[in-house]
N, C-alpha and C. Protein backbone atom coordinates (compact mmCIF):
# COMPACT_ATOMS: atom_id res chain seq x y z
N MET A 1 -2.20 88.96 12.82
CA MET A 1 -1.04 89.37 13.57
C MET A 1 0.19 89.18 12.70
N GLN A 2 1.10 90.10 12.81
CA GLN A 2 2.31 89.98 12.00
C GLN A 2 3.50 90.42 12.83
N ALA A 3 4.67 89.91 12.47
CA ALA A 3 5.89 90.22 13.21
C ALA A 3 6.47 91.57 12.82
N SER A 4 6.14 92.08 11.66
CA SER A 4 6.66 93.36 11.18
C SER A 4 5.51 94.17 10.63
N SER A 5 5.66 95.49 10.65
CA SER A 5 4.57 96.34 10.17
C SER A 5 4.79 96.81 8.74
N ASP A 6 5.86 96.40 8.10
CA ASP A 6 6.08 96.83 6.73
C ASP A 6 5.60 95.75 5.74
N ILE A 7 5.76 96.00 4.46
CA ILE A 7 5.27 95.07 3.44
C ILE A 7 5.97 93.72 3.56
N PHE A 8 7.28 93.73 3.87
CA PHE A 8 8.00 92.47 4.06
C PHE A 8 7.72 92.01 5.49
N LEU A 9 6.90 90.98 5.65
CA LEU A 9 6.43 90.59 6.97
C LEU A 9 7.42 89.74 7.76
N GLY A 10 8.23 88.94 7.09
CA GLY A 10 9.15 88.11 7.85
C GLY A 10 9.51 86.83 7.13
N TRP A 11 9.92 85.84 7.91
CA TRP A 11 10.35 84.57 7.34
C TRP A 11 10.07 83.47 8.35
N PHE A 12 10.10 82.25 7.88
CA PHE A 12 10.04 81.08 8.76
C PHE A 12 10.75 79.92 8.09
N ARG A 13 11.15 78.94 8.88
CA ARG A 13 11.78 77.73 8.37
C ARG A 13 10.80 76.59 8.58
N SER A 14 10.47 75.89 7.51
CA SER A 14 9.53 74.77 7.59
C SER A 14 10.17 73.60 8.32
N MET A 15 9.34 72.64 8.68
CA MET A 15 9.85 71.45 9.37
C MET A 15 10.81 70.67 8.49
N GLU A 16 10.70 70.86 7.17
CA GLU A 16 11.62 70.20 6.23
C GLU A 16 12.93 70.97 6.08
N GLY A 17 13.06 72.13 6.74
CA GLY A 17 14.29 72.91 6.68
C GLY A 17 14.33 73.94 5.57
N HIS A 18 13.21 74.19 4.91
CA HIS A 18 13.17 75.19 3.84
C HIS A 18 12.85 76.56 4.42
N ASP A 19 13.59 77.58 3.98
CA ASP A 19 13.32 78.95 4.41
C ASP A 19 12.29 79.58 3.49
N HIS A 20 11.34 80.31 4.08
CA HIS A 20 10.30 80.99 3.31
C HIS A 20 10.22 82.43 3.76
N TYR A 21 10.10 83.34 2.80
CA TYR A 21 9.90 84.75 3.09
C TYR A 21 8.43 85.06 2.89
N ILE A 22 7.85 85.83 3.81
CA ILE A 22 6.43 86.13 3.79
C ILE A 22 6.25 87.60 3.43
N ARG A 23 5.41 87.85 2.44
CA ARG A 23 5.08 89.22 2.05
C ARG A 23 3.58 89.41 2.07
N GLN A 24 3.15 90.63 2.27
CA GLN A 24 1.73 90.95 2.27
C GLN A 24 1.27 91.10 0.83
N PHE A 25 0.26 90.33 0.44
CA PHE A 25 -0.25 90.39 -0.93
C PHE A 25 -1.31 91.48 -1.06
N ARG A 26 -2.23 91.51 -0.13
CA ARG A 26 -3.28 92.54 -0.15
C ARG A 26 -3.44 93.08 1.26
N ASP A 27 -3.80 94.33 1.37
CA ASP A 27 -4.03 94.95 2.67
C ASP A 27 -5.51 94.81 3.03
N MET A 28 -5.91 93.61 3.39
CA MET A 28 -7.30 93.40 3.78
C MET A 28 -7.32 92.57 5.06
N LYS A 29 -8.37 92.71 5.79
CA LYS A 29 -8.50 91.99 7.05
C LYS A 29 -9.51 90.86 6.88
N ILE A 30 -9.14 89.69 7.35
CA ILE A 30 -10.05 88.55 7.34
C ILE A 30 -9.98 87.89 8.71
N SER A 31 -10.88 87.00 8.96
CA SER A 31 -10.88 86.30 10.23
C SER A 31 -11.18 84.83 9.98
N ALA A 32 -10.49 83.98 10.70
CA ALA A 32 -10.74 82.54 10.61
C ALA A 32 -12.07 82.23 11.28
N GLU A 33 -12.81 81.32 10.70
CA GLU A 33 -14.08 80.89 11.29
C GLU A 33 -13.80 79.67 12.17
N ILE A 34 -13.25 79.94 13.35
CA ILE A 34 -12.78 78.85 14.20
C ILE A 34 -13.91 77.94 14.68
N GLU A 35 -15.13 78.44 14.69
CA GLU A 35 -16.24 77.59 15.11
C GLU A 35 -16.50 76.44 14.13
N THR A 36 -15.92 76.52 12.93
CA THR A 36 -16.08 75.46 11.94
C THR A 36 -14.91 74.48 11.93
N PHE A 37 -13.88 74.74 12.74
CA PHE A 37 -12.67 73.91 12.74
C PHE A 37 -12.90 72.57 13.40
N LEU A 38 -12.32 71.53 12.82
CA LEU A 38 -12.22 70.24 13.49
C LEU A 38 -11.12 70.36 14.54
N PRO A 39 -11.08 69.47 15.54
CA PRO A 39 -10.07 69.60 16.60
C PRO A 39 -8.64 69.70 16.07
N GLY A 40 -8.29 68.90 15.08
CA GLY A 40 -6.92 68.94 14.54
C GLY A 40 -6.62 70.27 13.87
N THR A 41 -7.60 70.82 13.18
CA THR A 41 -7.42 72.12 12.52
C THR A 41 -7.24 73.22 13.57
N LEU A 42 -8.01 73.12 14.66
CA LEU A 42 -7.90 74.12 15.71
C LEU A 42 -6.52 74.07 16.37
N VAL A 43 -5.98 72.87 16.60
CA VAL A 43 -4.64 72.73 17.17
C VAL A 43 -3.61 73.36 16.23
N ALA A 44 -3.73 73.07 14.93
CA ALA A 44 -2.79 73.63 13.96
C ALA A 44 -2.89 75.16 13.92
N TYR A 45 -4.12 75.68 13.92
CA TYR A 45 -4.35 77.13 13.88
C TYR A 45 -3.77 77.79 15.14
N ALA A 46 -4.01 77.19 16.31
CA ALA A 46 -3.48 77.75 17.56
C ALA A 46 -1.96 77.75 17.54
N THR A 47 -1.36 76.71 16.97
CA THR A 47 0.09 76.63 16.88
C THR A 47 0.65 77.74 16.01
N VAL A 48 0.04 77.98 14.87
CA VAL A 48 0.49 79.04 13.97
C VAL A 48 0.33 80.40 14.64
N CYS A 49 -0.78 80.60 15.34
CA CYS A 49 -0.98 81.87 16.05
C CYS A 49 0.08 82.05 17.13
N GLY A 50 0.42 80.97 17.83
CA GLY A 50 1.47 81.05 18.85
C GLY A 50 2.81 81.43 18.27
N TRP A 51 3.15 80.82 17.12
CA TRP A 51 4.41 81.17 16.45
C TRP A 51 4.41 82.64 16.03
N ALA A 52 3.29 83.12 15.49
CA ALA A 52 3.22 84.52 15.06
C ALA A 52 3.36 85.46 16.25
N LEU A 53 2.72 85.12 17.36
CA LEU A 53 2.83 85.94 18.56
C LEU A 53 4.26 85.95 19.09
N ALA A 54 4.90 84.79 19.11
CA ALA A 54 6.29 84.71 19.58
C ALA A 54 7.20 85.55 18.70
N ARG A 55 7.01 85.48 17.39
CA ARG A 55 7.85 86.29 16.46
C ARG A 55 7.61 87.78 16.70
N ALA A 56 6.35 88.16 16.94
CA ALA A 56 6.06 89.58 17.16
C ALA A 56 6.73 90.08 18.43
N HIS A 57 6.80 89.22 19.45
CA HIS A 57 7.42 89.61 20.72
C HIS A 57 8.94 89.50 20.70
N ALA A 58 9.49 88.87 19.68
CA ALA A 58 10.94 88.65 19.62
C ALA A 58 11.69 89.83 19.04
N LYS A 59 11.02 90.90 18.68
CA LYS A 59 11.69 92.07 18.12
C LYS A 59 12.56 92.73 19.19
N ALA A 60 13.72 93.17 18.81
CA ALA A 60 14.63 93.85 19.74
C ALA A 60 14.85 95.28 19.27
N GLY A 61 15.05 96.17 20.20
CA GLY A 61 15.30 97.56 19.88
C GLY A 61 16.78 97.88 19.86
N ASP A 62 17.09 99.13 19.64
CA ASP A 62 18.46 99.61 19.64
C ASP A 62 18.93 99.77 21.09
N ALA A 63 19.99 99.06 21.46
CA ALA A 63 20.45 99.02 22.86
C ALA A 63 20.81 100.41 23.39
N ALA A 64 21.50 101.20 22.60
CA ALA A 64 21.92 102.53 23.06
C ALA A 64 20.70 103.43 23.28
N MET A 65 19.72 103.36 22.40
CA MET A 65 18.53 104.18 22.54
C MET A 65 17.74 103.76 23.79
N ILE A 66 17.63 102.46 24.01
CA ILE A 66 16.90 101.98 25.19
C ILE A 66 17.63 102.40 26.46
N ALA A 67 18.95 102.27 26.48
CA ALA A 67 19.74 102.68 27.66
C ALA A 67 19.57 104.17 27.93
N GLY A 68 19.57 104.98 26.88
CA GLY A 68 19.37 106.41 27.06
C GLY A 68 17.99 106.73 27.60
N TYR A 69 17.00 106.00 27.16
CA TYR A 69 15.62 106.20 27.63
C TYR A 69 15.48 105.81 29.09
N LEU A 70 16.11 104.70 29.49
CA LEU A 70 15.97 104.20 30.85
C LEU A 70 16.81 104.98 31.86
N GLY A 71 17.91 105.56 31.41
CA GLY A 71 18.76 106.31 32.32
C GLY A 71 19.64 105.40 33.16
N SER A 72 20.33 105.98 34.14
CA SER A 72 21.29 105.22 34.93
C SER A 72 20.78 104.85 36.31
N GLY A 73 19.58 105.29 36.67
CA GLY A 73 19.03 104.97 37.99
C GLY A 73 18.53 103.54 38.07
N GLU A 74 17.99 103.19 39.23
CA GLU A 74 17.50 101.83 39.46
C GLU A 74 15.99 101.72 39.38
N GLN A 75 15.32 102.80 38.99
CA GLN A 75 13.86 102.80 38.98
C GLN A 75 13.30 101.71 38.05
N PHE A 76 13.84 101.61 36.85
CA PHE A 76 13.36 100.59 35.92
C PHE A 76 13.70 99.19 36.43
N ASP A 77 14.93 99.03 36.94
CA ASP A 77 15.34 97.72 37.46
C ASP A 77 14.39 97.26 38.56
N ASN A 78 14.06 98.16 39.48
CA ASN A 78 13.17 97.81 40.58
C ASN A 78 11.76 97.51 40.08
N ALA A 79 11.29 98.30 39.14
CA ALA A 79 9.95 98.06 38.59
C ALA A 79 9.90 96.72 37.87
N TRP A 80 10.95 96.40 37.13
CA TRP A 80 10.99 95.12 36.40
C TRP A 80 11.04 93.94 37.39
N ALA A 81 11.81 94.09 38.46
CA ALA A 81 11.89 93.03 39.47
C ALA A 81 10.54 92.83 40.15
N ASP A 82 9.85 93.93 40.48
CA ASP A 82 8.52 93.83 41.09
C ASP A 82 7.53 93.15 40.13
N TYR A 83 7.56 93.56 38.87
CA TYR A 83 6.67 92.96 37.86
C TYR A 83 6.97 91.46 37.71
N SER A 84 8.25 91.11 37.65
CA SER A 84 8.63 89.71 37.46
C SER A 84 8.16 88.85 38.61
N LYS A 85 8.28 89.34 39.84
CA LYS A 85 7.81 88.58 41.00
C LYS A 85 6.30 88.42 40.95
N ALA A 86 5.59 89.49 40.64
CA ALA A 86 4.12 89.41 40.56
C ALA A 86 3.69 88.45 39.46
N TYR A 87 4.41 88.48 38.33
CA TYR A 87 4.09 87.58 37.21
C TYR A 87 4.32 86.12 37.61
N ALA A 88 5.45 85.87 38.29
CA ALA A 88 5.75 84.51 38.74
C ALA A 88 4.70 84.02 39.74
N ASP A 89 4.30 84.90 40.66
CA ASP A 89 3.26 84.52 41.63
C ASP A 89 1.96 84.18 40.93
N GLN A 90 1.58 84.98 39.93
CA GLN A 90 0.35 84.72 39.18
C GLN A 90 0.45 83.41 38.40
N ALA A 91 1.60 83.16 37.80
CA ALA A 91 1.80 81.91 37.06
C ALA A 91 1.64 80.71 38.00
N GLU A 92 2.15 80.81 39.22
CA GLU A 92 2.01 79.72 40.18
C GLU A 92 0.55 79.52 40.58
N ARG A 93 -0.19 80.62 40.77
CA ARG A 93 -1.63 80.50 41.08
C ARG A 93 -2.39 79.88 39.92
N ASP A 94 -2.06 80.32 38.70
CA ASP A 94 -2.72 79.75 37.52
C ASP A 94 -2.44 78.26 37.38
N TYR A 95 -1.20 77.85 37.65
CA TYR A 95 -0.84 76.45 37.53
C TYR A 95 -1.56 75.62 38.59
N ALA A 96 -1.73 76.17 39.78
CA ALA A 96 -2.47 75.46 40.83
C ALA A 96 -3.93 75.25 40.40
N VAL A 97 -4.54 76.25 39.77
CA VAL A 97 -5.91 76.10 39.26
C VAL A 97 -5.95 75.05 38.16
N PHE A 98 -4.96 75.07 37.27
CA PHE A 98 -4.87 74.07 36.20
C PHE A 98 -4.76 72.67 36.78
N GLN A 99 -3.86 72.47 37.76
CA GLN A 99 -3.70 71.16 38.38
C GLN A 99 -4.99 70.69 39.04
N ALA A 100 -5.69 71.59 39.71
CA ALA A 100 -6.95 71.22 40.36
C ALA A 100 -7.98 70.80 39.32
N ALA A 101 -8.03 71.50 38.18
CA ALA A 101 -8.97 71.15 37.12
C ALA A 101 -8.66 69.78 36.53
N VAL A 102 -7.38 69.44 36.40
CA VAL A 102 -6.99 68.13 35.89
C VAL A 102 -7.36 67.05 36.91
N ARG A 103 -7.03 67.30 38.18
CA ARG A 103 -7.33 66.32 39.23
C ARG A 103 -8.83 66.05 39.34
N SER A 104 -9.64 67.09 39.18
CA SER A 104 -11.10 66.92 39.32
C SER A 104 -11.74 66.31 38.07
N GLY A 105 -10.99 66.23 36.97
CA GLY A 105 -11.54 65.69 35.74
C GLY A 105 -12.19 66.74 34.85
N ARG A 106 -12.23 68.00 35.28
CA ARG A 106 -12.81 69.06 34.44
C ARG A 106 -11.96 69.33 33.21
N LEU A 107 -10.68 68.99 33.27
CA LEU A 107 -9.75 69.24 32.18
C LEU A 107 -8.89 68.01 31.97
N SER A 108 -8.72 67.62 30.71
CA SER A 108 -7.89 66.47 30.38
C SER A 108 -6.58 66.95 29.77
N THR A 109 -5.51 66.25 30.07
CA THR A 109 -4.21 66.59 29.49
C THR A 109 -3.92 65.75 28.26
N LYS A 110 -4.85 64.88 27.89
CA LYS A 110 -4.66 64.03 26.71
C LYS A 110 -5.36 64.67 25.51
N PRO A 111 -4.65 64.80 24.37
CA PRO A 111 -5.29 65.39 23.18
C PRO A 111 -6.29 64.40 22.59
N PRO A 112 -7.32 64.90 21.89
CA PRO A 112 -8.24 64.00 21.21
C PRO A 112 -7.50 63.23 20.12
N LYS A 113 -8.00 62.06 19.77
CA LYS A 113 -7.31 61.22 18.79
C LYS A 113 -7.15 61.92 17.45
N ASP A 114 -8.08 62.81 17.08
CA ASP A 114 -8.00 63.49 15.78
C ASP A 114 -7.42 64.89 15.92
N ALA A 115 -6.54 65.10 16.91
CA ALA A 115 -6.01 66.44 17.18
C ALA A 115 -5.02 66.92 16.13
N GLY A 116 -4.55 66.06 15.26
CA GLY A 116 -3.67 66.50 14.19
C GLY A 116 -2.29 66.91 14.68
N LEU A 117 -1.77 66.26 15.72
CA LEU A 117 -0.49 66.66 16.26
C LEU A 117 0.68 66.35 15.33
N GLU A 118 0.44 65.62 14.26
CA GLU A 118 1.52 65.41 13.30
C GLU A 118 1.97 66.73 12.71
N PHE A 119 1.10 67.73 12.73
CA PHE A 119 1.47 69.08 12.30
C PHE A 119 2.62 69.62 13.14
N LEU A 120 2.67 69.23 14.42
CA LEU A 120 3.68 69.72 15.33
C LEU A 120 4.95 68.89 15.32
N GLY A 121 4.98 67.86 14.48
CA GLY A 121 6.15 67.00 14.43
C GLY A 121 6.07 65.84 15.41
N THR A 122 4.91 65.69 16.06
CA THR A 122 4.71 64.56 16.97
C THR A 122 3.42 63.87 16.58
N SER A 123 3.14 62.78 17.19
CA SER A 123 1.86 62.13 16.94
C SER A 123 1.19 61.84 18.27
N ALA A 124 -0.14 61.76 18.23
CA ALA A 124 -0.92 61.55 19.45
C ALA A 124 -0.79 60.12 19.92
């Protein structure tokens, strides 16, 4: 996954405050072998994937072009409001299922001791 579709993929700031520019070296597809990951590696990998997904979704379009596409009516506004309410309702249902799983012991909220959370700037 990448935040941009051109050769210059983007940038990030490390936890030490250094800026890095990311470029595509080769146009090949690979896949992580997550079944071989230790718990800490999996946490780190999931974190990086989350950051990449957030960057990909953070792209903004041209405001004038979007306004022209949407027009001046309320159809989009109403559709967005309906979607937002349905999304919020689903999030509440999902959270209730999550809470029930924690209460029943099927799911723990405590990370494993070797989760490698120092990668996230915290420790377990």
